[in-house]
């Protein structure tokens, strides 16, 4: 899983809370802060048929750099729970 903090401010906040270390220990890759994924300008462009859960606010075919991947917009809670279980979770309750 690739994690892109939304801004330097967010990155520093979660760094101070110790969450970055927990994510890295769990095998996540922390990327540079910013909005690169929105345009597919980042490492980790999804492969053909790959499923991506995105917490961004817009979606369209090819949004993350590959028109043959599947991108679903989800809440941060759904993204986190799904990352832990390996399947898309329904976190409405």
PDB file of N, CA and C in Angstrom:
ATOM      1  N   UNK A   1       0.841  -1.168   0.000  1.00  0.00           N
ATOM      2  CA  UNK A   1       0.000   0.000   0.000  1.00  0.00           C
ATOM      3  C   UNK A   1       0.887   1.232   0.000  1.00  0.00           C
ATOM      4  N   UNK A   2       0.522   2.172  -0.838  1.00  0.00           N
ATOM      5  CA  UNK A   2       1.223   3.446  -0.894  1.00  0.00           C
ATOM      6  C   UNK A   2       0.411   4.484  -0.136  1.00  0.00           C
ATOM      7  N   UNK A   3       1.064   5.259   0.717  1.00  0.00           N
ATOM      8  CA  UNK A   3       0.412   6.306   1.488  1.00  0.00           C
ATOM      9  C   UNK A   3       0.977   7.648   1.052  1.00  0.00           C
ATOM     10  N   UNK A   4       0.093   8.535   0.621  1.00  0.00           N
ATOM     11  CA  UNK A   4       0.485   9.881   0.198  1.00  0.00           C
ATOM     12  C   UNK A   4      -0.147  10.885   1.153  1.00  0.00           C
ATOM     13  N   UNK A   5       0.606  11.406   2.126  1.00  0.00           N
ATOM     14  CA  UNK A   5       0.040  12.452   2.978  1.00  0.00           C
ATOM     15  C   UNK A   5      -0.406  13.628   2.100  1.00  0.00           C
ATOM     16  N   UNK A   6      -1.535  14.232   2.444  1.00  0.00           N
ATOM     17  CA  UNK A   6      -2.102  15.293   1.614  1.00  0.00           C
ATOM     18  C   UNK A   6      -1.227  16.546   1.565  1.00  0.00           C
ATOM     19  N   UNK A   7      -0.463  16.797   2.605  1.00  0.00           N
ATOM     20  CA  UNK A   7       0.377  18.000   2.659  1.00  0.00           C
ATOM     21  C   UNK A   7       1.533  17.762   3.619  1.00  0.00           C
ATOM     22  N   UNK A   8       2.492  18.661   3.595  1.00  0.00           N
ATOM     23  CA  UNK A   8       3.612  18.595   4.536  1.00  0.00           C
ATOM     24  C   UNK A   8       3.091  18.712   5.968  1.00  0.00           C
ATOM     25  N   UNK A   9       2.093  19.568   6.172  1.00  0.00           N
ATOM     26  CA  UNK A   9       1.508  19.750   7.504  1.00  0.00           C
ATOM     27  C   UNK A   9       0.899  18.439   8.026  1.00  0.00           C
ATOM     28  N   UNK A  10       0.164  17.748   7.184  1.00  0.00           N
ATOM     29  CA  UNK A  10      -0.424  16.463   7.576  1.00  0.00           C
ATOM     30  C   UNK A  10       0.682  15.453   7.860  1.00  0.00           C
ATOM     31  N   UNK A  11       1.682  15.390   6.991  1.00  0.00           N
ATOM     32  CA  UNK A  11       2.797  14.458   7.186  1.00  0.00           C
ATOM     33  C   UNK A  11       3.465  14.680   8.539  1.00  0.00           C
ATOM     34  N   UNK A  12       3.760  15.928   8.870  1.00  0.00           N
ATOM     35  CA  UNK A  12       4.418  16.221  10.146  1.00  0.00           C
ATOM     36  C   UNK A  12       3.533  15.869  11.335  1.00  0.00           C
ATOM     37  N   UNK A  13       2.232  16.090  11.205  1.00  0.00           N
ATOM     38  CA  UNK A  13       1.306  15.755  12.285  1.00  0.00           C
ATOM     39  C   UNK A  13       1.291  14.253  12.565  1.00  0.00           C
ATOM     40  N   UNK A  14       1.168  13.443  11.519  1.00  0.00           N
ATOM     41  CA  UNK A  14       1.128  11.994  11.737  1.00  0.00           C
ATOM     42  C   UNK A  14       2.491  11.437  12.117  1.00  0.00           C
ATOM     43  N   UNK A  15       3.552  12.116  11.680  1.00  0.00           N
ATOM     44  CA  UNK A  15       4.898  11.725  12.088  1.00  0.00           C
ATOM     45  C   UNK A  15       5.059  11.902  13.599  1.00  0.00           C
ATOM     46  N   UNK A  16       4.625  13.045  14.118  1.00  0.00           N
ATOM     47  CA  UNK A  16       4.710  13.318  15.553  1.00  0.00           C
ATOM     48  C   UNK A  16       3.868  12.354  16.379  1.00  0.00           C
ATOM     49  N   UNK A  17       2.750  11.916  15.832  1.00  0.00           N
ATOM     50  CA  UNK A  17       1.867  10.981  16.541  1.00  0.00           C
ATOM     51  C   UNK A  17       2.394   9.551  16.514  1.00  0.00           C
ATOM     52  N   UNK A  18       3.410   9.291  15.692  1.00  0.00           N
ATOM     53  CA  UNK A  18       3.974   7.943  15.611  1.00  0.00           C
ATOM     54  C   UNK A  18       3.277   7.039  14.612  1.00  0.00           C
ATOM     55  N   UNK A  19       2.333   7.565  13.893  1.00  0.00           N
ATOM     56  CA  UNK A  19       1.576   6.728  12.960  1.00  0.00           C
ATOM     57  C   UNK A  19       2.411   6.311  11.758  1.00  0.00           C
ATOM     58  N   UNK A  20       3.345   7.154  11.344  1.00  0.00           N
ATOM     59  CA  UNK A  20       4.177   6.805  10.183  1.00  0.00           C
ATOM     60  C   UNK A  20       4.977   5.539  10.483  1.00  0.00           C
ATOM     61  N   UNK A  21       5.579   5.475  11.657  1.00  0.00           N
ATOM     62  CA  UNK A  21       6.353   4.287  12.031  1.00  0.00           C
ATOM     63  C   UNK A  21       5.470   3.044  12.031  1.00  0.00           C
ATOM     64  N   UNK A  22       4.263   3.162  12.543  1.00  0.00           N
ATOM     65  CA  UNK A  22       3.341   2.018  12.573  1.00  0.00           C
ATOM     66  C   UNK A  22       2.995   1.556  11.163  1.00  0.00           C
ATOM     67  N   UNK A  23       2.758   2.498  10.269  1.00  0.00           N
ATOM     68  CA  UNK A  23       2.428   2.130   8.891  1.00  0.00           C
ATOM     69  C   UNK A  23       3.610   1.458   8.199  1.00  0.00           C
ATOM     70  N   UNK A  24       4.810   2.010   8.392  1.00  0.00           N
ATOM     71  CA  UNK A  24       6.012   1.425   7.780  1.00  0.00           C
ATOM     72  C   UNK A  24       6.257   0.017   8.331  1.00  0.00           C
ATOM     73  N   UNK A  25       6.098  -0.167   9.631  1.00  0.00           N
ATOM     74  CA  UNK A  25       6.268  -1.492  10.233  1.00  0.00           C
ATOM     75  C   UNK A  25       5.257  -2.493   9.686  1.00  0.00           C
ATOM     76  N   UNK A  26       4.085  -2.007   9.275  1.00  0.00           N
ATOM     77  CA  UNK A  26       3.051  -2.876   8.707  1.00  0.00           C
ATOM     78  C   UNK A  26       3.283  -3.158   7.227  1.00  0.00           C
ATOM     79  N   UNK A  27       4.320  -2.529   6.640  1.00  0.00           N
ATOM     80  CA  UNK A  27       4.649  -2.799   5.251  1.00  0.00           C
ATOM     81  C   UNK A  27       4.185  -1.740   4.264  1.00  0.00           C
ATOM     82  N   UNK A  28       3.632  -0.634   4.762  1.00  0.00           N
ATOM     83  CA  UNK A  28       3.183   0.425   3.876  1.00  0.00           C
ATOM     84  C   UNK A  28       4.389   1.232   3.402  1.00  0.00           C
ATOM     85  N   UNK A  29       4.274   1.848   2.249  1.00  0.00           N
ATOM     86  CA  UNK A  29       5.305   2.723   1.708  1.00  0.00           C
ATOM     87  C   UNK A  29       4.798   4.157   1.808  1.00  0.00           C
ATOM     88  N   UNK A  30       5.551   5.007   2.471  1.00  0.00           N
ATOM     89  CA  UNK A  30       5.160   6.402   2.641  1.00  0.00           C
ATOM     90  C   UNK A  30       5.777   7.212   1.507  1.00  0.00           C
ATOM     91  N   UNK A  31       4.935   7.872   0.749  1.00  0.00           N
ATOM     92  CA  UNK A  31       5.384   8.658  -0.397  1.00  0.00           C
ATOM     93  C   UNK A  31       5.465  10.131  -0.001  1.00  0.00           C
ATOM     94  N   UNK A  32       5.986  10.944  -0.902  1.00  0.00           N
ATOM     95  CA  UNK A  32       6.085  12.375  -0.622  1.00  0.00           C
ATOM     96  C   UNK A  32       4.693  13.009  -0.563  1.00  0.00           C
ATOM     97  N   UNK A  33       4.511  14.003   0.315  1.00  0.00           N
ATOM     98  CA  UNK A  33       3.214  14.667   0.418  1.00  0.00           C
ATOM     99  C   UNK A  33       2.838  15.376  -0.885  1.00  0.00           C
ATOM    100  N   UNK A  34       1.557  15.375  -1.177  1.00  0.00           N
ATOM    101  CA  UNK A  34       1.084  16.106  -2.349  1.00  0.00           C
ATOM    102  C   UNK A  34      -0.002  15.375  -3.095  1.00  0.00           C
ATOM    103  N   UNK A  35      -0.412  15.962  -4.187  1.00  0.00           N
ATOM    104  CA  UNK A  35      -1.540  15.454  -4.959  1.00  0.00           C
ATOM    105  C   UNK A  35      -1.159  14.728  -6.225  1.00  0.00           C
ATOM    106  N   UNK A  36       0.044  14.213  -6.336  1.00  0.00           N
ATOM    107  CA  UNK A  36       0.474  13.508  -7.538  1.00  0.00           C
ATOM    108  C   UNK A  36      -0.415  12.365  -7.979  1.00  0.00           C
ATOM    109  N   UNK A  37      -0.951  11.557  -7.055  1.00  0.00           N
ATOM    110  CA  UNK A  37      -1.766  10.424  -7.484  1.00  0.00           C
ATOM    111  C   UNK A  37      -3.006  10.826  -8.272  1.00  0.00           C
ATOM    112  N   UNK A  38      -3.511  12.007  -8.035  1.00  0.00           N
ATOM    113  CA  UNK A  38      -4.735  12.430  -8.711  1.00  0.00           C
ATOM    114  C   UNK A  38      -4.582  12.449 -10.222  1.00  0.00           C
ATOM    115  N   UNK A  39      -3.383  12.689 -10.710  1.00  0.00           N
ATOM    116  CA  UNK A  39      -3.158  12.765 -12.150  1.00  0.00           C
ATOM    117  C   UNK A  39      -2.323  11.597 -12.656  1.00  0.00           C
ATOM    118  N   UNK A  40      -2.006  10.663 -11.805  1.00  0.00           N
ATOM    119  CA  UNK A  40      -1.142   9.570 -12.216  1.00  0.00           C
ATOM    120  C   UNK A  40       0.317   9.981 -12.261  1.00  0.00           C
ATOM    121  N   UNK A  41       0.662  11.092 -11.610  1.00  0.00           N
ATOM    122  CA  UNK A  41       2.048  11.575 -11.568  1.00  0.00           C
ATOM    123  C   UNK A  41       2.728  11.074 -10.309  1.00  0.00           C
ATOM    124  N   UNK A  42       2.971   9.814 -10.229  1.00  0.00           N
ATOM    125  CA  UNK A  42       3.554   9.240  -9.016  1.00  0.00           C
ATOM    126  C   UNK A  42       4.062   7.847  -9.308  1.00  0.00           C
ATOM    127  N   UNK A  43       4.765   7.310  -8.368  1.00  0.00           N
ATOM    128  CA  UNK A  43       5.135   5.900  -8.445  1.00  0.00           C
ATOM    129  C   UNK A  43       3.882   5.099  -8.122  1.00  0.00           C
ATOM    130  N   UNK A  44       3.760   3.953  -8.704  1.00  0.00           N
ATOM    131  CA  UNK A  44       2.633   3.104  -8.366  1.00  0.00           C
ATOM    132  C   UNK A  44       1.424   3.266  -9.250  1.00  0.00           C
ATOM    133  N   UNK A  45       1.592   3.629 -10.537  1.00  0.00           N
ATOM    134  CA  UNK A  45       0.459   3.671 -11.453  1.00  0.00           C
ATOM    135  C   UNK A  45      -0.108   2.257 -11.509  1.00  0.00           C
ATOM    136  N   UNK A  46      -1.429   2.114 -11.293  1.00  0.00           N
ATOM    137  CA  UNK A  46      -2.002   0.765 -11.227  1.00  0.00           C
ATOM    138  C   UNK A  46      -1.901   0.017 -12.561  1.00  0.00           C
ATOM    139  N   UNK A  47      -1.747  -1.284 -12.453  1.00  0.00           N
ATOM    140  CA  UNK A  47      -1.650  -2.154 -13.628  1.00  0.00           C
ATOM    141  C   UNK A  47      -3.036  -2.413 -14.212  1.00  0.00           C
ATOM    142  N   UNK A  48      -3.075  -2.966 -15.391  1.00  0.00           N
ATOM    143  CA  UNK A  48      -4.345  -3.342 -16.007  1.00  0.00           C
ATOM    144  C   UNK A  48      -5.111  -4.278 -15.079  1.00  0.00           C
ATOM    145  N   UNK A  49      -6.371  -3.955 -14.818  1.00  0.00           N
ATOM    146  CA  UNK A  49      -7.217  -4.793 -13.976  1.00  0.00           C
ATOM    147  C   UNK A  49      -7.000  -4.628 -12.486  1.00  0.00           C
ATOM    148  N   UNK A  50      -6.003  -3.854 -12.083  1.00  0.00           N
ATOM    149  CA  UNK A  50      -5.735  -3.669 -10.657  1.00  0.00           C
ATOM    150  C   UNK A  50      -6.829  -2.815 -10.021  1.00  0.00           C
ATOM    151  N   UNK A  51      -7.191  -3.158  -8.787  1.00  0.00           N
ATOM    152  CA  UNK A  51      -8.201  -2.421  -8.036  1.00  0.00           C
ATOM    153  C   UNK A  51      -7.516  -1.477  -7.066  1.00  0.00           C
ATOM    154  N   UNK A  52      -7.953  -0.216  -7.073  1.00  0.00           N
ATOM    155  CA  UNK A  52      -7.394   0.816  -6.206  1.00  0.00           C
ATOM    156  C   UNK A  52      -8.523   1.433  -5.396  1.00  0.00           C
ATOM    157  N   UNK A  53      -8.291   1.602  -4.109  1.00  0.00           N
ATOM    158  CA  UNK A  53      -9.215   2.360  -3.276  1.00  0.00           C
ATOM    159  C   UNK A  53      -8.577   3.720  -3.055  1.00  0.00           C
ATOM    160  N   UNK A  54      -9.258   4.773  -3.479  1.00  0.00           N
ATOM    161  CA  UNK A  54      -8.714   6.123  -3.387  1.00  0.00           C
ATOM    162  C   UNK A  54      -9.586   6.968  -2.470  1.00  0.00           C
ATOM    163  N   UNK A  55      -8.942   7.826  -1.706  1.00  0.00           N
ATOM    164  CA  UNK A  55      -9.687   8.718  -0.813  1.00  0.00           C
ATOM    165  C   UNK A  55      -9.738  10.137  -1.381  1.00  0.00           C
ATOM    166  N   UNK A  56      -9.470  10.260  -2.664  1.00  0.00           N
ATOM    167  CA  UNK A  56      -9.543  11.573  -3.311  1.00  0.00           C
ATOM    168  C   UNK A  56     -11.011  11.955  -3.525  1.00  0.00           C
ATOM    169  N   UNK A  57     -11.240  13.139  -4.049  1.00  0.00           N
ATOM    170  CA  UNK A  57     -12.616  13.614  -4.175  1.00  0.00           C
ATOM    171  C   UNK A  57     -13.184  13.553  -5.586  1.00  0.00           C
ATOM    172  N   UNK A  58     -12.423  13.062  -6.559  1.00  0.00           N
ATOM    173  CA  UNK A  58     -12.910  12.956  -7.925  1.00  0.00           C
ATOM    174  C   UNK A  58     -12.424  11.663  -8.543  1.00  0.00           C
ATOM    175  N   UNK A  59     -13.171  11.211  -9.544  1.00  0.00           N
ATOM    176  CA  UNK A  59     -12.778   9.982 -10.211  1.00  0.00           C
ATOM    177  C   UNK A  59     -13.253  10.027 -11.658  1.00  0.00           C
ATOM    178  N   UNK A  60     -12.471   9.456 -12.544  1.00  0.00           N
ATOM    179  CA  UNK A  60     -12.856   9.257 -13.931  1.00  0.00           C
ATOM    180  C   UNK A  60     -11.913   8.207 -14.495  1.00  0.00           C
ATOM    181  N   UNK A  61     -12.295   7.611 -15.591  1.00  0.00           N
ATOM    182  CA  UNK A  61     -11.491   6.545 -16.189  1.00  0.00           C
ATOM    183  C   UNK A  61     -10.083   7.058 -16.480  1.00  0.00           C
ATOM    184  N   UNK A  62      -9.086   6.366 -15.981  1.00  0.00           N
ATOM    185  CA  UNK A  62      -7.695   6.744 -16.177  1.00  0.00           C
ATOM    186  C   UNK A  62      -7.178   7.770 -15.179  1.00  0.00           C
ATOM    187  N   UNK A  63      -7.959   8.086 -14.170  1.00  0.00           N
ATOM    188  CA  UNK A  63      -7.609   9.125 -13.199  1.00  0.00           C
ATOM    189  C   UNK A  63      -6.224   8.906 -12.591  1.00  0.00           C
ATOM    190  N   UNK A  64      -5.862   7.680 -12.297  1.00  0.00           N
ATOM    191  CA  UNK A  64      -4.578   7.403 -11.652  1.00  0.00           C
ATOM    192  C   UNK A  64      -3.511   6.944 -12.639  1.00  0.00           C
ATOM    193  N   UNK A  65      -3.739   7.184 -13.912  1.00  0.00           N
ATOM    194  CA  UNK A  65      -2.704   6.915 -14.894  1.00  0.00           C
ATOM    195  C   UNK A  65      -2.906   5.686 -15.753  1.00  0.00           C
ATOM    196  N   UNK A  66      -3.968   4.908 -15.538  1.00  0.00           N
ATOM    197  CA  UNK A  66      -4.210   3.722 -16.354  1.00  0.00           C
ATOM    198  C   UNK A  66      -5.710   3.532 -16.538  1.00  0.00           C
ATOM    199  N   UNK A  67      -6.173   3.636 -17.770  1.00  0.00           N
ATOM    200  CA  UNK A  67      -7.606   3.490 -18.065  1.00  0.00           C
ATOM    201  C   UNK A  67      -8.097   2.048 -17.915  1.00  0.00           C
ATOM    202  N   UNK A  68      -7.183   1.114 -17.756  1.00  0.00           N
ATOM    203  CA  UNK A  68      -7.563  -0.298 -17.629  1.00  0.00           C
ATOM    204  C   UNK A  68      -7.563  -0.774 -16.185  1.00  0.00           C
ATOM    205  N   UNK A  69      -7.409   0.133 -15.236  1.00  0.00           N
ATOM    206  CA  UNK A  69      -7.488  -0.231 -13.809  1.00  0.00           C
ATOM    207  C   UNK A  69      -8.865   0.155 -13.281  1.00  0.00           C
ATOM    208  N   UNK A  70      -9.172  -0.273 -12.061  1.00  0.00           N
ATOM    209  CA  UNK A  70     -10.459   0.009 -11.433  1.00  0.00           C
ATOM    210  C   UNK A  70     -10.202   0.829 -10.175  1.00  0.00           C
ATOM    211  N   UNK A  71     -10.748   2.033 -10.139  1.00  0.00           N
ATOM    212  CA  UNK A  71     -10.527   2.945  -9.023  1.00  0.00           C
ATOM    213  C   UNK A  71     -11.865   3.223  -8.354  1.00  0.00           C
ATOM    214  N   UNK A  72     -11.927   2.955  -7.055  1.00  0.00           N
ATOM    215  CA  UNK A  72     -13.131   3.199  -6.277  1.00  0.00           C
ATOM    216  C   UNK A  72     -12.841   4.283  -5.253  1.00  0.00           C
ATOM    217  N   UNK A  73     -13.706   5.286  -5.169  1.00  0.00           N
ATOM    218  CA  UNK A  73     -13.559   6.324  -4.160  1.00  0.00           C
ATOM    219  C   UNK A  73     -14.181   5.827  -2.865  1.00  0.00           C
ATOM    220  N   UNK A  74     -13.421   5.918  -1.785  1.00  0.00           N
ATOM    221  CA  UNK A  74     -13.885   5.438  -0.487  1.00  0.00           C
ATOM    222  C   UNK A  74     -13.470   6.429   0.600  1.00  0.00           C
ATOM    223  N   UNK A  75     -14.067   6.280   1.758  1.00  0.00           N
ATOM    224  CA  UNK A  75     -13.683   7.108   2.900  1.00  0.00           C
ATOM    225  C   UNK A  75     -12.336   6.631   3.434  1.00  0.00           C
ATOM    226  N   UNK A  76     -11.636   7.488   4.177  1.00  0.00           N
ATOM    227  CA  UNK A  76     -10.383   7.039   4.789  1.00  0.00           C
ATOM    228  C   UNK A  76     -10.589   5.818   5.689  1.00  0.00           C
ATOM    229  N   UNK A  77     -11.709   5.768   6.391  1.00  0.00           N
ATOM    230  CA  UNK A  77     -11.999   4.618   7.262  1.00  0.00           C
ATOM    231  C   UNK A  77     -12.118   3.336   6.440  1.00  0.00           C
ATOM    232  N   UNK A  78     -12.850   3.408   5.330  1.00  0.00           N
ATOM    233  CA  UNK A  78     -13.005   2.233   4.475  1.00  0.00           C
ATOM    234  C   UNK A  78     -11.661   1.821   3.882  1.00  0.00           C
ATOM    235  N   UNK A  79     -10.853   2.791   3.475  1.00  0.00           N
ATOM    236  CA  UNK A  79      -9.531   2.475   2.922  1.00  0.00           C
ATOM    237  C   UNK A  79      -8.668   1.764   3.964  1.00  0.00           C
ATOM    238  N   UNK A  80      -8.677   2.282   5.189  1.00  0.00           N
ATOM    239  CA  UNK A  80      -7.859   1.681   6.250  1.00  0.00           C
ATOM    240  C   UNK A  80      -8.339   0.270   6.590  1.00  0.00           C
ATOM    241  N   UNK A  81      -9.632   0.105   6.779  1.00  0.00           N
ATOM    242  CA  UNK A  81     -10.163  -1.222   7.123  1.00  0.00           C
ATOM    243  C   UNK A  81      -9.923  -2.216   5.985  1.00  0.00           C
ATOM    244  N   UNK A  82     -10.080  -1.767   4.760  1.00  0.00           N
ATOM    245  CA  UNK A  82      -9.874  -2.644   3.609  1.00  0.00           C
ATOM    246  C   UNK A  82      -8.407  -3.048   3.480  1.00  0.00           C
ATOM    247  N   UNK A  83      -7.500  -2.119   3.793  1.00  0.00           N
ATOM    248  CA  UNK A  83      -6.070  -2.440   3.755  1.00  0.00           C
ATOM    249  C   UNK A  83      -5.740  -3.512   4.786  1.00  0.00           C
ATOM    250  N   UNK A  84      -6.399  -3.464   5.919  1.00  0.00           N
ATOM    251  CA  UNK A  84      -6.133  -4.442   6.974  1.00  0.00           C
ATOM    252  C   UNK A  84      -6.668  -5.825   6.640  1.00  0.00           C
ATOM    253  N   UNK A  85      -7.792  -5.875   5.912  1.00  0.00           N
ATOM    254  CA  UNK A  85      -8.417  -7.169   5.632  1.00  0.00           C
ATOM    255  C   UNK A  85      -8.122  -7.720   4.247  1.00  0.00           C
ATOM    256  N   UNK A  86      -7.671  -6.856   3.338  1.00  0.00           N
ATOM    257  CA  UNK A  86      -7.377  -7.309   1.989  1.00  0.00           C
ATOM    258  C   UNK A  86      -8.590  -7.414   1.097  1.00  0.00           C
ATOM    259  N   UNK A  87      -9.725  -6.877   1.533  1.00  0.00           N
ATOM    260  CA  UNK A  87     -10.928  -6.845   0.695  1.00  0.00           C
ATOM    261  C   UNK A  87     -11.680  -5.563   0.988  1.00  0.00           C
ATOM    262  N   UNK A  88     -12.509  -5.134   0.053  1.00  0.00           N
ATOM    263  CA  UNK A  88     -13.248  -3.892   0.238  1.00  0.00           C
ATOM    264  C   UNK A  88     -14.279  -4.094   1.346  1.00  0.00           C
ATOM    265  N   UNK A  89     -14.157  -3.280   2.394  1.00  0.00           N
ATOM    266  CA  UNK A  89     -15.028  -3.382   3.555  1.00  0.00           C
ATOM    267  C   UNK A  89     -16.152  -2.348   3.505  1.00  0.00           C
ATOM    268  N   UNK A  90     -17.287  -2.702   4.056  1.00  0.00           N
ATOM    269  CA  UNK A  90     -18.403  -1.781   4.209  1.00  0.00           C
ATOM    270  C   UNK A  90     -18.348  -1.230   5.631  1.00  0.00           C
ATOM    271  N   UNK A  91     -17.928  -0.002   5.762  1.00  0.00           N
ATOM    272  CA  UNK A  91     -17.742   0.600   7.094  1.00  0.00           C
ATOM    273  C   UNK A  91     -18.891   1.510   7.485  1.00  0.00           C
ATOM    274  N   UNK A  92     -20.045   1.337   6.885  1.00  0.00           N
ATOM    275  CA  UNK A  92     -21.207   2.157   7.247  1.00  0.00           C
ATOM    276  C   UNK A  92     -21.899   1.528   8.459  1.00  0.00           C
ATOM    277  N   UNK A  93     -21.781   2.175   9.585  1.00  0.00           N
ATOM    278  CA  UNK A  93     -22.511   1.763  10.783  1.00  0.00           C
ATOM    279  C   UNK A  93     -22.389   2.815  11.834  1.00  0.00           C
TER     280      UNK A  93
END
